[in-house]
Amino acid sequence: MLLQTNLKHIATEDDFNKIINENENVMICCGRMGPMCLPVYDVMEEFENSGDYNHVGFRDMLFDNPDAHVIRNLPECSGFMGLPFTVYFKNGKVVKATSSIQSAEQVKEILDTEFK
């Protein structure tokens, strides 16, 4: 099962490993089609389509997918209470992780700081 967004989806653990290992900069939003998640997907789609972040891979992953343990069980996400879990990877390593709703300004600040 996949999320109904215009983002590229991660469906399996193999997809996840391939994405983070073959792309220098990756932002993954792991959530559901809920009120805290939808705005984050919208922000990601906006940035992906802007052309300003062609050096970043924007992906989503369904939180309830059994393979989403690759995000859910990250040490950086251990204290998270709200969806979505949004994780930023640089060269296969977590450089930032956030939970719950994020504004375009908050996401932009992270992208500009971590993925210069």
C-alpha atoms as a PDB file:
ATOM      1  CA  MET A   1       0.000   0.000   0.000  1.00  0.00           C
ATOM      2  CA  LEU A   2       1.271   3.463  -0.906  1.00  0.00           C
ATOM      3  CA  LEU A   3       0.387   6.989   0.124  1.00  0.00           C
ATOM      4  CA  GLN A   4      -1.764   8.985  -2.280  1.00  0.00           C
ATOM      5  CA  THR A   5       0.709  11.783  -2.942  1.00  0.00           C
ATOM      6  CA  ASN A   6       2.591  13.004  -6.006  1.00  0.00           C
ATOM      7  CA  LEU A   7       5.892  12.130  -4.349  1.00  0.00           C
ATOM      8  CA  LYS A   8       7.953   9.076  -5.215  1.00  0.00           C
ATOM      9  CA  HIS A   9       7.143   6.290  -2.771  1.00  0.00           C
ATOM     10  CA  ILE A  10       9.310   3.946  -0.740  1.00  0.00           C
ATOM     11  CA  ALA A  11       7.485   0.630  -0.462  1.00  0.00           C
ATOM     12  CA  THR A  12      10.142  -1.767   0.842  1.00  0.00           C
ATOM     13  CA  GLU A  13      13.258  -1.864   2.985  1.00  0.00           C
ATOM     14  CA  ASP A  14      15.228  -2.561  -0.204  1.00  0.00           C
ATOM     15  CA  ASP A  15      13.771   0.604  -1.799  1.00  0.00           C
ATOM     16  CA  PHE A  16      14.784   2.557   1.300  1.00  0.00           C
ATOM     17  CA  ASN A  17      18.364   1.251   1.294  1.00  0.00           C
ATOM     18  CA  LYS A  18      18.733   1.897  -2.425  1.00  0.00           C
ATOM     19  CA  ILE A  19      17.427   5.482  -2.147  1.00  0.00           C
ATOM     20  CA  ILE A  20      19.619   6.556   0.758  1.00  0.00           C
ATOM     21  CA  ASN A  21      22.720   4.825  -0.605  1.00  0.00           C
ATOM     22  CA  GLU A  22      22.420   6.066  -4.202  1.00  0.00           C
ATOM     23  CA  ASN A  23      21.453   9.686  -3.448  1.00  0.00           C
ATOM     24  CA  GLU A  24      23.555  12.162  -1.491  1.00  0.00           C
ATOM     25  CA  ASN A  25      20.591  14.102  -0.058  1.00  0.00           C
ATOM     26  CA  VAL A  26      17.234  12.507   0.755  1.00  0.00           C
ATOM     27  CA  MET A  27      14.196  13.748   2.690  1.00  0.00           C
ATOM     28  CA  ILE A  28      11.761  10.988   3.681  1.00  0.00           C
ATOM     29  CA  CYS A  29       8.377  11.727   5.208  1.00  0.00           C
ATOM     30  CA  CYS A  30       6.926   8.656   6.901  1.00  0.00           C
ATOM     31  CA  GLY A  31       3.269   9.122   7.750  1.00  0.00           C
ATOM     32  CA  ARG A  32      -0.365   8.632   6.848  1.00  0.00           C
ATOM     33  CA  MET A  33      -2.943  10.615   4.888  1.00  0.00           C
ATOM     34  CA  GLY A  34      -3.779  12.632   8.002  1.00  0.00           C
ATOM     35  CA  PRO A  35      -4.044  16.308   9.001  1.00  0.00           C
ATOM     36  CA  MET A  36      -0.498  16.571  10.379  1.00  0.00           C
ATOM     37  CA  CYS A  37       1.087  14.747   7.437  1.00  0.00           C
ATOM     38  CA  LEU A  38      -0.675  16.263   4.407  1.00  0.00           C
ATOM     39  CA  PRO A  39       0.872  19.742   4.829  1.00  0.00           C
ATOM     40  CA  VAL A  40       4.365  18.202   4.937  1.00  0.00           C
ATOM     41  CA  TYR A  41       3.748  16.248   1.720  1.00  0.00           C
ATOM     42  CA  ASP A  42       2.483  19.477   0.112  1.00  0.00           C
ATOM     43  CA  VAL A  43       5.639  21.346   1.162  1.00  0.00           C
ATOM     44  CA  MET A  44       7.814  18.543  -0.202  1.00  0.00           C
ATOM     45  CA  GLU A  45       5.948  18.537  -3.530  1.00  0.00           C
ATOM     46  CA  GLU A  46       6.282  22.327  -3.733  1.00  0.00           C
ATOM     47  CA  PHE A  47      10.047  22.204  -3.137  1.00  0.00           C
ATOM     48  CA  GLU A  48      10.505  19.257  -5.504  1.00  0.00           C
ATOM     49  CA  ASN A  49       8.691  21.136  -8.277  1.00  0.00           C
ATOM     50  CA  SER A  50      10.423  24.474  -7.603  1.00  0.00           C
ATOM     51  CA  GLY A  51      13.698  23.424  -9.226  1.00  0.00           C
ATOM     52  CA  ASP A  52      15.624  24.923  -6.290  1.00  0.00           C
ATOM     53  CA  TYR A  53      16.213  21.530  -4.697  1.00  0.00           C
ATOM     54  CA  ASN A  54      17.119  19.289  -7.608  1.00  0.00           C
ATOM     55  CA  HIS A  55      19.975  17.976  -5.446  1.00  0.00           C
ATOM     56  CA  VAL A  56      17.479  16.496  -2.927  1.00  0.00           C
ATOM     57  CA  GLY A  57      15.436  13.325  -3.313  1.00  0.00           C
ATOM     58  CA  PHE A  58      11.960  13.781  -1.840  1.00  0.00           C
ATOM     59  CA  ARG A  59      10.206  10.535  -0.862  1.00  0.00           C
ATOM     60  CA  ASP A  60       7.298   9.367   1.236  1.00  0.00           C
ATOM     61  CA  MET A  61       6.684   6.102   3.065  1.00  0.00           C
ATOM     62  CA  LEU A  62       3.502   4.757   4.628  1.00  0.00           C
ATOM     63  CA  PHE A  63       3.951   4.650   8.416  1.00  0.00           C
ATOM     64  CA  ASP A  64       1.821   1.489   8.705  1.00  0.00           C
ATOM     65  CA  ASN A  65       3.889  -0.410   6.146  1.00  0.00           C
ATOM     66  CA  PRO A  66       5.779  -3.204   7.976  1.00  0.00           C
ATOM     67  CA  ASP A  67       8.984  -2.127   6.175  1.00  0.00           C
ATOM     68  CA  ALA A  68       8.633   1.385   7.650  1.00  0.00           C
ATOM     69  CA  HIS A  69      10.473   0.022  10.688  1.00  0.00           C
ATOM     70  CA  VAL A  70      13.561   1.406   8.914  1.00  0.00           C
ATOM     71  CA  ILE A  71      12.260   4.882   9.836  1.00  0.00           C
ATOM     72  CA  ARG A  72      10.158   4.149  12.940  1.00  0.00           C
ATOM     73  CA  ASN A  73      13.024   2.399  14.752  1.00  0.00           C
ATOM     74  CA  LEU A  74      15.757   4.948  14.066  1.00  0.00           C
ATOM     75  CA  PRO A  75      17.376   6.187  17.300  1.00  0.00           C
ATOM     76  CA  GLU A  76      16.706   9.751  16.102  1.00  0.00           C
ATOM     77  CA  CYS A  77      12.955   8.992  16.096  1.00  0.00           C
ATOM     78  CA  SER A  78      12.771   7.183  19.453  1.00  0.00           C
ATOM     79  CA  GLY A  79      11.141  10.066  21.326  1.00  0.00           C
ATOM     80  CA  PHE A  80       8.701  11.074  18.596  1.00  0.00           C
ATOM     81  CA  MET A  81       5.026  11.161  19.558  1.00  0.00           C
ATOM     82  CA  GLY A  82       3.300  12.618  16.469  1.00  0.00           C
ATOM     83  CA  LEU A  83       3.216  11.827  12.775  1.00  0.00           C
ATOM     84  CA  PRO A  84       4.763  12.269  10.359  1.00  0.00           C
ATOM     85  CA  PHE A  85       8.327  11.233  11.098  1.00  0.00           C
ATOM     86  CA  THR A  86      10.455  13.227   8.661  1.00  0.00           C
ATOM     87  CA  VAL A  87      14.068  12.176   8.309  1.00  0.00           C
ATOM     88  CA  TYR A  88      16.847  13.844   6.338  1.00  0.00           C
ATOM     89  CA  PHE A  89      19.715  11.679   5.092  1.00  0.00           C
ATOM     90  CA  LYS A  90      23.073  12.858   3.739  1.00  0.00           C
ATOM     91  CA  ASN A  91      25.358  10.188   2.290  1.00  0.00           C
ATOM     92  CA  GLY A  92      23.232   7.468   3.902  1.00  0.00           C
ATOM     93  CA  LYS A  93      23.404   8.978   7.414  1.00  0.00           C
ATOM     94  CA  VAL A  94      20.671  10.752   9.379  1.00  0.00           C
ATOM     95  CA  VAL A  95      21.514  14.449   9.695  1.00  0.00           C
ATOM     96  CA  LYS A  96      18.141  15.675  11.011  1.00  0.00           C
ATOM     97  CA  ALA A  97      14.808  14.229  12.073  1.00  0.00           C
ATOM     98  CA  THR A  98      11.537  15.952  12.966  1.00  0.00           C
ATOM     99  CA  SER A  99       8.068  14.847  13.948  1.00  0.00           C
ATOM    100  CA  SER A 100       4.625  16.317  13.532  1.00  0.00           C
ATOM    101  CA  ILE A 101       3.625  19.115  11.183  1.00  0.00           C
ATOM    102  CA  GLN A 102       6.343  21.322   9.688  1.00  0.00           C
ATOM    103  CA  SER A 103       5.894  24.589   7.825  1.00  0.00           C
ATOM    104  CA  ALA A 104       7.549  25.380   4.501  1.00  0.00           C
ATOM    105  CA  GLU A 105       9.883  27.759   6.367  1.00  0.00           C
ATOM    106  CA  GLN A 106      10.938  25.040   8.821  1.00  0.00           C
ATOM    107  CA  VAL A 107      11.585  22.515   6.042  1.00  0.00           C
ATOM    108  CA  LYS A 108      13.460  25.101   3.955  1.00  0.00           C
ATOM    109  CA  GLU A 109      15.719  25.943   6.893  1.00  0.00           C
ATOM    110  CA  ILE A 110      16.648  22.274   7.328  1.00  0.00           C
ATOM    111  CA  LEU A 111      17.183  21.723   3.583  1.00  0.00           C
ATOM    112  CA  ASP A 112      19.338  24.854   3.324  1.00  0.00           C
ATOM    113  CA  THR A 113      21.368  23.938   6.424  1.00  0.00           C
ATOM    114  CA  GLU A 114      21.876  20.200   5.892  1.00  0.00           C
ATOM    115  CA  PHE A 115      21.913  19.993   2.070  1.00  0.00           C
ATOM    116  CA  LYS A 116      23.927  23.043   1.016  1.00  0.00           C
END
